[in-house]
Amino acid sequence: MPGNQLLVVEDETIIRLLVEEVLSDGGYKIASATTGLEAIEFLENPAQEFAEIVTDVRLGGDLTGWDIARHARELHPEICVVYVSADSGDEWLSQGVPGSMFIQKPFAAAQIVTAISTLLNEAGGQAGHAPD
């Protein structure tokens, strides 16, 4: 499992900055993408290793957070995923990757930190919160 670098994929600047700040304060190294294509570029760069992705589901453009997470898992099966969205919770069970978590917007910053910590801790034991 890679270190503590996380990829944040969020097209809403205010939310992205909030998530970056909270995770940075939590000791994580952050890379940020504002589009699905930018996120894919990060994931396909062999110099980048991510322990986890925090992605909005609805990004605008051709790729969704669901697409990014599936692609990430193809490249790095161990990567943890936290989805955030205001309106996609009912799709998580069918679209989300196993071992992921979903957080409804609006959310408290502590929810992101808790979700990441939980998934990273459980990843060592190959456990996760998979969609049912």
Protein backbone atom coordinates (compact mmCIF):
# COMPACT_ATOMS: atom_id res chain seq x y z
CA MET A 1 0.00 0.00 0.00
CA PRO A 2 1.42 3.40 -0.92
CA GLY A 3 2.11 5.99 1.76
CA ASN A 4 -0.27 8.73 2.72
CA GLN A 5 -0.77 10.52 -0.61
CA LEU A 6 -4.37 11.09 -1.60
CA LEU A 7 -5.98 12.21 -4.84
CA VAL A 8 -8.87 14.65 -4.43
CA VAL A 9 -11.12 14.94 -7.48
CA GLU A 10 -13.62 17.78 -7.16
CA ASP A 11 -14.78 20.38 -9.67
CA GLU A 12 -16.27 22.75 -7.07
CA THR A 13 -13.41 24.98 -5.90
CA ILE A 14 -14.76 25.72 -2.42
CA ILE A 15 -15.35 22.06 -1.62
CA ARG A 16 -11.99 21.01 -3.10
CA LEU A 17 -10.13 23.61 -1.03
CA LEU A 18 -11.98 22.56 2.14
CA VAL A 19 -11.16 18.87 1.60
CA GLU A 20 -7.53 19.68 0.77
CA GLU A 21 -7.14 21.79 3.91
CA VAL A 22 -8.69 19.23 6.23
CA LEU A 23 -6.63 16.38 4.79
CA SER A 24 -3.43 18.43 4.80
CA ASP A 25 -4.04 19.29 8.45
CA GLY A 26 -4.48 15.55 9.02
CA GLY A 27 -0.97 14.88 7.71
CA TYR A 28 -1.86 13.64 4.24
CA LYS A 29 -0.07 14.66 1.04
CA ILE A 30 -2.63 15.87 -1.48
CA ALA A 31 -2.81 15.95 -5.25
CA SER A 32 -5.90 17.56 -6.75
CA ALA A 33 -7.76 17.20 -10.00
CA THR A 34 -10.72 19.25 -11.17
CA THR A 35 -11.75 16.99 -14.07
CA GLY A 36 -12.00 13.29 -14.71
CA LEU A 37 -9.31 13.46 -17.40
CA GLU A 38 -6.91 15.20 -15.04
CA ALA A 39 -7.57 12.51 -12.42
CA ILE A 40 -6.85 9.74 -14.94
CA GLU A 41 -3.55 11.45 -15.85
CA PHE A 42 -2.53 11.42 -12.18
CA LEU A 43 -3.51 7.78 -11.80
CA GLU A 44 -1.65 6.67 -14.91
CA ASN A 45 1.55 8.52 -13.96
CA PRO A 46 3.99 5.88 -12.67
CA ALA A 47 5.68 8.52 -10.49
CA GLN A 48 2.44 8.98 -8.51
CA GLU A 49 1.24 6.46 -5.94
CA PHE A 50 -2.02 7.08 -4.13
CA ALA A 51 -3.36 5.34 -1.07
CA GLU A 52 -6.84 6.72 -1.61
CA ILE A 53 -9.10 8.76 -3.87
CA VAL A 54 -11.74 11.19 -2.65
CA THR A 55 -13.92 11.93 -5.66
CA ASP A 56 -17.06 13.81 -6.41
CA VAL A 57 -19.43 11.68 -8.46
CA ARG A 58 -20.78 14.38 -10.77
CA LEU A 59 -17.80 16.19 -12.28
CA GLY A 60 -19.18 17.50 -15.53
CA GLY A 61 -17.59 16.29 -18.72
CA ASP A 62 -17.47 12.72 -19.92
CA LEU A 63 -16.10 10.98 -16.83
CA THR A 64 -17.81 10.54 -13.48
CA GLY A 65 -16.37 9.66 -10.10
CA TRP A 66 -17.67 6.13 -10.68
CA ASP A 67 -15.52 5.92 -13.85
CA ILE A 68 -12.44 7.29 -12.12
CA ALA A 69 -12.71 4.81 -9.25
CA ARG A 70 -13.15 1.84 -11.60
CA HIS A 71 -10.13 2.93 -13.64
CA ALA A 72 -8.09 3.45 -10.46
CA ARG A 73 -8.95 -0.07 -9.30
CA GLU A 74 -7.89 -1.52 -12.64
CA LEU A 75 -4.49 0.13 -12.22
CA HIS A 76 -4.17 -0.25 -8.44
CA PRO A 77 -6.55 -2.87 -6.97
CA GLU A 78 -5.65 -1.88 -3.39
CA ILE A 79 -6.60 1.80 -3.68
CA CYS A 80 -9.30 3.02 -1.28
CA VAL A 81 -12.17 5.19 -2.56
CA VAL A 82 -14.42 7.73 -0.89
CA TYR A 83 -17.22 9.16 -3.04
CA VAL A 84 -18.91 12.47 -2.24
CA SER A 85 -22.07 13.74 -3.88
CA ALA A 86 -25.24 15.63 -3.16
CA ASP A 87 -27.47 13.41 -5.25
CA SER A 88 -25.88 10.07 -6.13
CA GLY A 89 -26.22 8.03 -2.95
CA ASP A 90 -28.87 5.77 -4.44
CA GLU A 91 -26.45 4.81 -7.25
CA TRP A 92 -23.58 3.83 -4.93
CA LEU A 93 -24.72 0.25 -4.46
CA SER A 94 -24.73 -0.42 -8.20
CA GLN A 95 -21.97 1.94 -9.38
CA GLY A 96 -19.48 2.12 -6.50
CA VAL A 97 -16.42 -0.09 -6.31
CA PRO A 98 -16.11 -2.64 -3.48
CA GLY A 99 -14.30 -1.36 -0.41
CA SER A 100 -15.56 2.18 -0.89
CA MET A 101 -17.54 4.63 1.20
CA PHE A 102 -20.09 7.26 0.21
CA ILE A 103 -20.52 10.63 1.94
CA GLN A 104 -23.55 12.79 1.22
CA LYS A 105 -23.01 16.51 0.52
CA PRO A 106 -23.16 18.71 2.47
CA PHE A 107 -20.80 17.00 4.86
CA ALA A 108 -18.74 17.89 7.90
CA ALA A 109 -15.00 17.93 7.27
CA ALA A 110 -14.53 15.33 10.00
CA GLN A 111 -16.59 12.85 7.96
CA ILE A 112 -13.95 12.86 5.20
CA VAL A 113 -11.09 12.33 7.65
CA THR A 114 -12.98 9.54 9.42
CA ALA A 115 -13.84 7.77 6.15
CA ILE A 116 -10.24 7.93 4.93
CA SER A 117 -8.81 6.75 8.23
CA THR A 118 -11.30 3.90 8.41
CA LEU A 119 -10.64 2.65 4.88
CA LEU A 120 -6.87 2.95 5.19
CA ASN A 121 -6.87 1.13 8.53
CA GLU A 122 -9.10 -1.62 7.17
CA ALA A 123 -7.10 -1.96 3.96
CA GLY A 124 -4.27 -3.55 5.96
CA GLY A 125 -6.69 -6.33 6.87
CA GLN A 126 -8.22 -6.49 3.38
CA ALA A 127 -11.56 -5.31 4.79
CA GLY A 128 -13.70 -2.45 3.57
CA HIS A 129 -17.15 -1.00 3.32
CA ALA A 130 -18.22 -2.50 0.05
CA PRO A 131 -21.56 -1.68 -1.49
CA ASP A 132 -24.00 -4.48 -0.73
